[in-house]
Amino acid sequence: VPLEEAFDWSKYPSKKVVATGYTAGVEST
């Protein structure tokens, strides 16, 4: 079972976000 289904996440506050990915390299930092 994936982590997303292993716990009841609905008991935690949620927030809608825009998420991007980054690295430690020159292209990001």
PDB file of all heavy atoms in Angstrom:
ATOM      1  N   VAL A   1       0.850  -1.185   0.000  1.00  0.00           N
ATOM      2  CA  VAL A   1       0.000   0.000   0.000  1.00  0.00           C
ATOM      3  C   VAL A   1       0.889   1.240   0.000  1.00  0.00           C
ATOM      4  O   VAL A   1       1.803   1.346   0.813  1.00  0.00           O
ATOM      5  CB  VAL A   1      -0.913   0.025   1.250  1.00  0.00           C
ATOM      6  CG1 VAL A   1      -1.712   1.319   1.304  1.00  0.00           C
ATOM      7  CG2 VAL A   1      -1.843  -1.168   1.239  1.00  0.00           C
ATOM      8  N   PRO A   2       0.668   2.185  -0.915  1.00  0.00           N
ATOM      9  CA  PRO A   2       1.491   3.399  -0.946  1.00  0.00           C
ATOM     10  C   PRO A   2       1.269   4.248   0.297  1.00  0.00           C
ATOM     11  O   PRO A   2       0.229   4.139   0.964  1.00  0.00           O
ATOM     12  CB  PRO A   2       1.022   4.115  -2.215  1.00  0.00           C
ATOM     13  CG  PRO A   2      -0.353   3.595  -2.467  1.00  0.00           C
ATOM     14  CD  PRO A   2      -0.344   2.170  -1.988  1.00  0.00           C
ATOM     15  N   LEU A   3       2.240   5.087   0.592  1.00  0.00           N
ATOM     16  CA  LEU A   3       2.174   5.943   1.767  1.00  0.00           C
ATOM     17  C   LEU A   3       0.922   6.818   1.756  1.00  0.00           C
ATOM     18  O   LEU A   3       0.345   7.116   2.804  1.00  0.00           O
ATOM     19  CB  LEU A   3       3.429   6.826   1.829  1.00  0.00           C
ATOM     20  CG  LEU A   3       3.756   7.519   3.155  1.00  0.00           C
ATOM     21  CD1 LEU A   3       3.815   6.529   4.301  1.00  0.00           C
ATOM     22  CD2 LEU A   3       5.077   8.268   3.036  1.00  0.00           C
ATOM     23  N   GLU A   4       0.489   7.209   0.562  1.00  0.00           N
ATOM     24  CA  GLU A   4      -0.705   8.046   0.438  1.00  0.00           C
ATOM     25  C   GLU A   4      -1.948   7.362   0.999  1.00  0.00           C
ATOM     26  O   GLU A   4      -2.882   8.025   1.448  1.00  0.00           O
ATOM     27  CB  GLU A   4      -0.958   8.399  -1.040  1.00  0.00           C
ATOM     28  CG  GLU A   4      -0.047   9.472  -1.593  1.00  0.00           C
ATOM     29  CD  GLU A   4       1.329   8.946  -1.964  1.00  0.00           C
ATOM     30  OE1 GLU A   4       1.603   7.740  -1.766  1.00  0.00           O
ATOM     31  OE2 GLU A   4       2.157   9.745  -2.451  1.00  0.00           O
ATOM     32  N   GLU A   5      -1.960   6.025   0.982  1.00  0.00           N
ATOM     33  CA  GLU A   5      -3.133   5.279   1.428  1.00  0.00           C
ATOM     34  C   GLU A   5      -2.934   4.606   2.779  1.00  0.00           C
ATOM     35  O   GLU A   5      -3.866   4.007   3.320  1.00  0.00           O
ATOM     36  CB  GLU A   5      -3.492   4.211   0.384  1.00  0.00           C
ATOM     37  CG  GLU A   5      -3.832   4.781  -0.986  1.00  0.00           C
ATOM     38  CD  GLU A   5      -4.074   3.687  -2.012  1.00  0.00           C
ATOM     39  OE1 GLU A   5      -4.271   2.526  -1.600  1.00  0.00           O
ATOM     40  OE2 GLU A   5      -4.069   3.988  -3.216  1.00  0.00           O
ATOM     41  N   ALA A   6      -1.730   4.712   3.330  1.00  0.00           N
ATOM     42  CA  ALA A   6      -1.426   4.005   4.573  1.00  0.00           C
ATOM     43  C   ALA A   6      -1.954   4.727   5.808  1.00  0.00           C
ATOM     44  O   ALA A   6      -2.124   4.114   6.863  1.00  0.00           O
ATOM     45  CB  ALA A   6       0.085   3.813   4.705  1.00  0.00           C
ATOM     46  N   PHE A   7      -2.218   6.020   5.700  1.00  0.00           N
ATOM     47  CA  PHE A   7      -2.687   6.798   6.832  1.00  0.00           C
ATOM     48  C   PHE A   7      -3.893   7.638   6.436  1.00  0.00           C
ATOM     49  O   PHE A   7      -4.137   7.886   5.255  1.00  0.00           O
ATOM     50  CB  PHE A   7      -1.569   7.727   7.349  1.00  0.00           C
ATOM     51  CG  PHE A   7      -0.328   6.992   7.787  1.00  0.00           C
ATOM     52  CD1 PHE A   7       0.763   6.887   6.939  1.00  0.00           C
ATOM     53  CD2 PHE A   7      -0.257   6.392   9.034  1.00  0.00           C
ATOM     54  CE1 PHE A   7       1.911   6.214   7.323  1.00  0.00           C
ATOM     55  CE2 PHE A   7       0.875   5.707   9.431  1.00  0.00           C
ATOM     56  CZ  PHE A   7       1.963   5.617   8.578  1.00  0.00           C
ATOM     57  N   ASP A   8      -4.630   8.075   7.431  1.00  0.00           N
ATOM     58  CA  ASP A   8      -5.788   8.932   7.197  1.00  0.00           C
ATOM     59  C   ASP A   8      -5.314  10.386   7.191  1.00  0.00           C
ATOM     60  O   ASP A   8      -5.277  11.047   8.225  1.00  0.00           O
ATOM     61  CB  ASP A   8      -6.835   8.712   8.288  1.00  0.00           C
ATOM     62  CG  ASP A   8      -8.072   9.577   8.073  1.00  0.00           C
ATOM     63  OD1 ASP A   8      -8.210  10.163   6.981  1.00  0.00           O
ATOM     64  OD2 ASP A   8      -8.897   9.668   9.009  1.00  0.00           O
ATOM     65  N   TRP A   9      -4.969  10.875   6.014  1.00  0.00           N
ATOM     66  CA  TRP A   9      -4.430  12.228   5.912  1.00  0.00           C
ATOM     67  C   TRP A   9      -5.498  13.292   6.125  1.00  0.00           C
ATOM     68  O   TRP A   9      -5.178  14.458   6.381  1.00  0.00           O
ATOM     69  CB  TRP A   9      -3.760  12.425   4.544  1.00  0.00           C
ATOM     70  CG  TRP A   9      -2.621  11.489   4.346  1.00  0.00           C
ATOM     71  CD1 TRP A   9      -2.566  10.411   3.518  1.00  0.00           C
ATOM     72  CD2 TRP A   9      -1.362  11.508   5.038  1.00  0.00           C
ATOM     73  NE1 TRP A   9      -1.366   9.759   3.640  1.00  0.00           N
ATOM     74  CE2 TRP A   9      -0.605  10.409   4.565  1.00  0.00           C
ATOM     75  CE3 TRP A   9      -0.820  12.342   6.010  1.00  0.00           C
ATOM     76  CZ2 TRP A   9       0.666  10.138   5.031  1.00  0.00           C
ATOM     77  CZ3 TRP A   9       0.456  12.062   6.473  1.00  0.00           C
ATOM     78  CH2 TRP A   9       1.178  10.970   5.981  1.00  0.00           C
ATOM     79  N   SER A  10      -6.755  12.917   6.052  1.00  0.00           N
ATOM     80  CA  SER A  10      -7.834  13.901   6.206  1.00  0.00           C
ATOM     81  C   SER A  10      -7.884  14.502   7.604  1.00  0.00           C
ATOM     82  O   SER A  10      -8.515  15.536   7.822  1.00  0.00           O
ATOM     83  CB  SER A  10      -9.185  13.264   5.875  1.00  0.00           C
ATOM     84  OG  SER A  10      -9.505  12.236   6.798  1.00  0.00           O
ATOM     85  N   LYS A  11      -7.213  13.870   8.553  1.00  0.00           N
ATOM     86  CA  LYS A  11      -7.230  14.414   9.914  1.00  0.00           C
ATOM     87  C   LYS A  11      -6.256  15.587  10.068  1.00  0.00           C
ATOM     88  O   LYS A  11      -6.253  16.258  11.092  1.00  0.00           O
ATOM     89  CB  LYS A  11      -6.902  13.325  10.926  1.00  0.00           C
ATOM     90  CG  LYS A  11      -5.473  12.816  10.882  1.00  0.00           C
ATOM     91  CD  LYS A  11      -5.261  11.726  11.922  1.00  0.00           C
ATOM     92  CE  LYS A  11      -3.825  11.215  11.908  1.00  0.00           C
ATOM     93  NZ  LYS A  11      -3.601  10.170  12.923  1.00  0.00           N
ATOM     94  N   TYR A  12      -5.425  15.816   9.052  1.00  0.00           N
ATOM     95  CA  TYR A  12      -4.476  16.932   9.087  1.00  0.00           C
ATOM     96  C   TYR A  12      -5.012  18.112   8.269  1.00  0.00           C
ATOM     97  O   TYR A  12      -5.707  17.920   7.277  1.00  0.00           O
ATOM     98  CB  TYR A  12      -3.125  16.499   8.511  1.00  0.00           C
ATOM     99  CG  TYR A  12      -2.439  15.408   9.283  1.00  0.00           C
ATOM    100  CD1 TYR A  12      -2.440  14.096   8.817  1.00  0.00           C
ATOM    101  CD2 TYR A  12      -1.798  15.678  10.489  1.00  0.00           C
ATOM    102  CE1 TYR A  12      -1.824  13.080   9.528  1.00  0.00           C
ATOM    103  CE2 TYR A  12      -1.169  14.676  11.203  1.00  0.00           C
ATOM    104  CZ  TYR A  12      -1.183  13.378  10.724  1.00  0.00           C
ATOM    105  OH  TYR A  12      -0.573  12.376  11.434  1.00  0.00           O
ATOM    106  N   PRO A  13      -4.654  19.337   8.680  1.00  0.00           N
ATOM    107  CA  PRO A  13      -5.048  20.501   7.868  1.00  0.00           C
ATOM    108  C   PRO A  13      -4.398  20.411   6.493  1.00  0.00           C
ATOM    109  O   PRO A  13      -3.263  19.943   6.371  1.00  0.00           O
ATOM    110  CB  PRO A  13      -4.483  21.694   8.655  1.00  0.00           C
ATOM    111  CG  PRO A  13      -4.182  21.179  10.020  1.00  0.00           C
ATOM    112  CD  PRO A  13      -3.897  19.721   9.877  1.00  0.00           C
ATOM    113  N   SER A  14      -5.108  20.842   5.478  1.00  0.00           N
ATOM    114  CA  SER A  14      -4.546  20.797   4.130  1.00  0.00           C
ATOM    115  C   SER A  14      -4.478  22.201   3.544  1.00  0.00           C
ATOM    116  O   SER A  14      -5.204  23.105   3.965  1.00  0.00           O
ATOM    117  CB  SER A  14      -5.391  19.899   3.224  1.00  0.00           C
ATOM    118  OG  SER A  14      -6.692  20.423   3.057  1.00  0.00           O
ATOM    119  N   LYS A  15      -3.581  22.372   2.587  1.00  0.00           N
ATOM    120  CA  LYS A  15      -3.434  23.665   1.901  1.00  0.00           C
ATOM    121  C   LYS A  15      -3.094  23.403   0.439  1.00  0.00           C
ATOM    122  O   LYS A  15      -2.238  22.576   0.144  1.00  0.00           O
ATOM    123  CB  LYS A  15      -2.360  24.519   2.569  1.00  0.00           C
ATOM    124  CG  LYS A  15      -2.260  25.933   1.997  1.00  0.00           C
ATOM    125  CD  LYS A  15      -1.225  26.744   2.738  1.00  0.00           C
ATOM    126  CE  LYS A  15      -1.697  27.168   4.124  1.00  0.00           C
ATOM    127  NZ  LYS A  15      -2.804  28.173   4.053  1.00  0.00           N
ATOM    128  N   LYS A  16      -3.770  24.110  -0.436  1.00  0.00           N
ATOM    129  CA  LYS A  16      -3.502  23.960  -1.865  1.00  0.00           C
ATOM    130  C   LYS A  16      -2.276  24.800  -2.226  1.00  0.00           C
ATOM    131  O   LYS A  16      -2.205  25.981  -1.895  1.00  0.00           O
ATOM    132  CB  LYS A  16      -4.714  24.387  -2.695  1.00  0.00           C
ATOM    133  CG  LYS A  16      -4.573  24.065  -4.189  1.00  0.00           C
ATOM    134  CD  LYS A  16      -5.863  24.330  -4.933  1.00  0.00           C
ATOM    135  CE  LYS A  16      -6.948  23.372  -4.517  1.00  0.00           C
ATOM    136  NZ  LYS A  16      -6.676  21.983  -4.949  1.00  0.00           N
ATOM    137  N   VAL A  17      -1.331  24.177  -2.888  1.00  0.00           N
ATOM    138  CA  VAL A  17      -0.089  24.855  -3.243  1.00  0.00           C
ATOM    139  C   VAL A  17       0.278  24.562  -4.691  1.00  0.00           C
ATOM    140  O   VAL A  17      -0.252  23.637  -5.301  1.00  0.00           O
ATOM    141  CB  VAL A  17       1.084  24.417  -2.332  1.00  0.00           C
ATOM    142  CG1 VAL A  17       0.770  24.666  -0.862  1.00  0.00           C
ATOM    143  CG2 VAL A  17       1.413  22.947  -2.576  1.00  0.00           C
ATOM    144  N   VAL A  18       1.193  25.370  -5.195  1.00  0.00           N
ATOM    145  CA  VAL A  18       1.836  25.086  -6.477  1.00  0.00           C
ATOM    146  C   VAL A  18       3.249  24.634  -6.134  1.00  0.00           C
ATOM    147  O   VAL A  18       4.011  25.371  -5.506  1.00  0.00           O
ATOM    148  CB  VAL A  18       1.867  26.320  -7.390  1.00  0.00           C
ATOM    149  CG1 VAL A  18       2.692  26.027  -8.639  1.00  0.00           C
ATOM    150  CG2 VAL A  18       0.454  26.736  -7.767  1.00  0.00           C
ATOM    151  N   ALA A  19       3.586  23.414  -6.510  1.00  0.00           N
ATOM    152  CA  ALA A  19       4.885  22.850  -6.149  1.00  0.00           C
ATOM    153  C   ALA A  19       5.725  22.589  -7.389  1.00  0.00           C
ATOM    154  O   ALA A  19       5.252  22.018  -8.372  1.00  0.00           O
ATOM    155  CB  ALA A  19       4.693  21.556  -5.369  1.00  0.00           C
ATOM    156  N   THR A  20       6.944  23.026  -7.328  1.00  0.00           N
ATOM    157  CA  THR A  20       7.917  22.778  -8.392  1.00  0.00           C
ATOM    158  C   THR A  20       9.098  22.018  -7.797  1.00  0.00           C
ATOM    159  O   THR A  20       9.205  21.860  -6.582  1.00  0.00           O
ATOM    160  CB  THR A  20       8.414  24.101  -9.001  1.00  0.00           C
ATOM    161  OG1 THR A  20       8.854  24.972  -7.934  1.00  0.00           O
ATOM    162  CG2 THR A  20       7.307  24.804  -9.766  1.00  0.00           C
ATOM    163  N   GLY A  21       9.987  21.550  -8.658  1.00  0.00           N
ATOM    164  CA  GLY A  21      11.163  20.838  -8.186  1.00  0.00           C
ATOM    165  C   GLY A  21      12.419  21.677  -8.372  1.00  0.00           C
ATOM    166  O   GLY A  21      12.477  22.549  -9.245  1.00  0.00           O
ATOM    167  N   TYR A  22      13.396  21.441  -7.505  1.00  0.00           N
ATOM    168  CA  TYR A  22      14.672  22.157  -7.647  1.00  0.00           C
ATOM    169  C   TYR A  22      15.825  21.258  -7.235  1.00  0.00           C
ATOM    170  O   TYR A  22      15.625  20.207  -6.618  1.00  0.00           O
ATOM    171  CB  TYR A  22      14.665  23.449  -6.822  1.00  0.00           C
ATOM    172  CG  TYR A  22      15.004  23.288  -5.356  1.00  0.00           C
ATOM    173  CD1 TYR A  22      16.238  23.696  -4.848  1.00  0.00           C
ATOM    174  CD2 TYR A  22      14.085  22.734  -4.449  1.00  0.00           C
ATOM    175  CE1 TYR A  22      16.544  23.563  -3.510  1.00  0.00           C
ATOM    176  CE2 TYR A  22      14.384  22.611  -3.107  1.00  0.00           C
ATOM    177  CZ  TYR A  22      15.630  23.014  -2.638  1.00  0.00           C
ATOM    178  OH  TYR A  22      15.928  22.874  -1.302  1.00  0.00           O
ATOM    179  N   THR A  23      17.030  21.670  -7.605  1.00  0.00           N
ATOM    180  CA  THR A  23      18.249  20.951  -7.222  1.00  0.00           C
ATOM    181  C   THR A  23      19.163  21.914  -6.481  1.00  0.00           C
ATOM    182  O   THR A  23      18.862  23.099  -6.337  1.00  0.00           O
ATOM    183  CB  THR A  23      18.993  20.403  -8.452  1.00  0.00           C
ATOM    184  OG1 THR A  23      19.558  21.515  -9.174  1.00  0.00           O
ATOM    185  CG2 THR A  23      18.060  19.616  -9.358  1.00  0.00           C
ATOM    186  N   ALA A  24      20.286  21.395  -6.028  1.00  0.00           N
ATOM    187  CA  ALA A  24      21.264  22.251  -5.351  1.00  0.00           C
ATOM    188  C   ALA A  24      22.193  22.931  -6.342  1.00  0.00           C
ATOM    189  O   ALA A  24      23.037  23.752  -5.961  1.00  0.00           O
ATOM    190  CB  ALA A  24      22.090  21.412  -4.367  1.00  0.00           C
ATOM    191  N   GLY A  25      22.049  22.618  -7.625  1.00  0.00           N
ATOM    192  CA  GLY A  25      22.978  23.104  -8.632  1.00  0.00           C
ATOM    193  C   GLY A  25      22.730  24.512  -9.126  1.00  0.00           C
ATOM    194  O   GLY A  25      21.814  25.221  -8.699  1.00  0.00           O
ATOM    195  N   VAL A  26      23.561  24.911 -10.083  1.00  0.00           N
ATOM    196  CA  VAL A  26      23.534  26.254 -10.658  1.00  0.00           C
ATOM    197  C   VAL A  26      22.180  26.570 -11.264  1.00  0.00           C
ATOM    198  O   VAL A  26      21.686  27.703 -11.161  1.00  0.00           O
ATOM    199  CB  VAL A  26      24.644  26.402 -11.727  1.00  0.00           C
ATOM    200  CG1 VAL A  26      24.560  27.760 -12.413  1.00  0.00           C
ATOM    201  CG2 VAL A  26      26.027  26.202 -11.107  1.00  0.00           C
ATOM    202  N   GLU A  27      21.559  25.609 -11.901  1.00  0.00           N
ATOM    203  CA  GLU A  27      20.286  25.831 -12.568  1.00  0.00           C
ATOM    204  C   GLU A  27      19.182  26.288 -11.615  1.00  0.00           C
ATOM    205  O   GLU A  27      18.230  26.948 -12.029  1.00  0.00           O
ATOM    206  CB  GLU A  27      19.828  24.558 -13.305  1.00  0.00           C
ATOM    207  CG  GLU A  27      19.557  23.346 -12.429  1.00  0.00           C
ATOM    208  CD  GLU A  27      20.822  22.641 -11.973  1.00  0.00           C
ATOM    209  OE1 GLU A  27      21.878  22.858 -12.594  1.00  0.00           O
ATOM    210  OE2 GLU A  27      20.733  21.882 -10.992  1.00  0.00           O
ATOM    211  N   SER A  28      19.309  25.957 -10.306  1.00  0.00           N
ATOM    212  CA  SER A  28      18.283  26.330  -9.337  1.00  0.00           C
ATOM    213  C   SER A  28      18.763  27.369  -8.332  1.00  0.00           C
ATOM    214  O   SER A  28      18.001  28.251  -7.924  1.00  0.00           O
ATOM    215  CB  SER A  28      17.791  25.093  -8.568  1.00  0.00           C
ATOM    216  OG  SER A  28      17.156  24.167  -9.409  1.00  0.00           O
ATOM    217  N   THR A  29      20.019  27.258  -7.920  1.00  0.00           N
ATOM    218  CA  THR A  29      20.513  28.126  -6.838  1.00  0.00           C
ATOM    219  C   THR A  29      21.587  29.106  -7.297  1.00  0.00           C
ATOM    220  O   THR A  29      21.935  30.030  -6.546  1.00  0.00           O
ATOM    221  CB  THR A  29      21.095  27.271  -5.693  1.00  0.00           C
ATOM    222  OG1 THR A  29      22.254  26.577  -6.167  1.00  0.00           O
ATOM    223  CG2 THR A  29      20.075  26.264  -5.195  1.00  0.00           C
TER     224      THR A  29
END
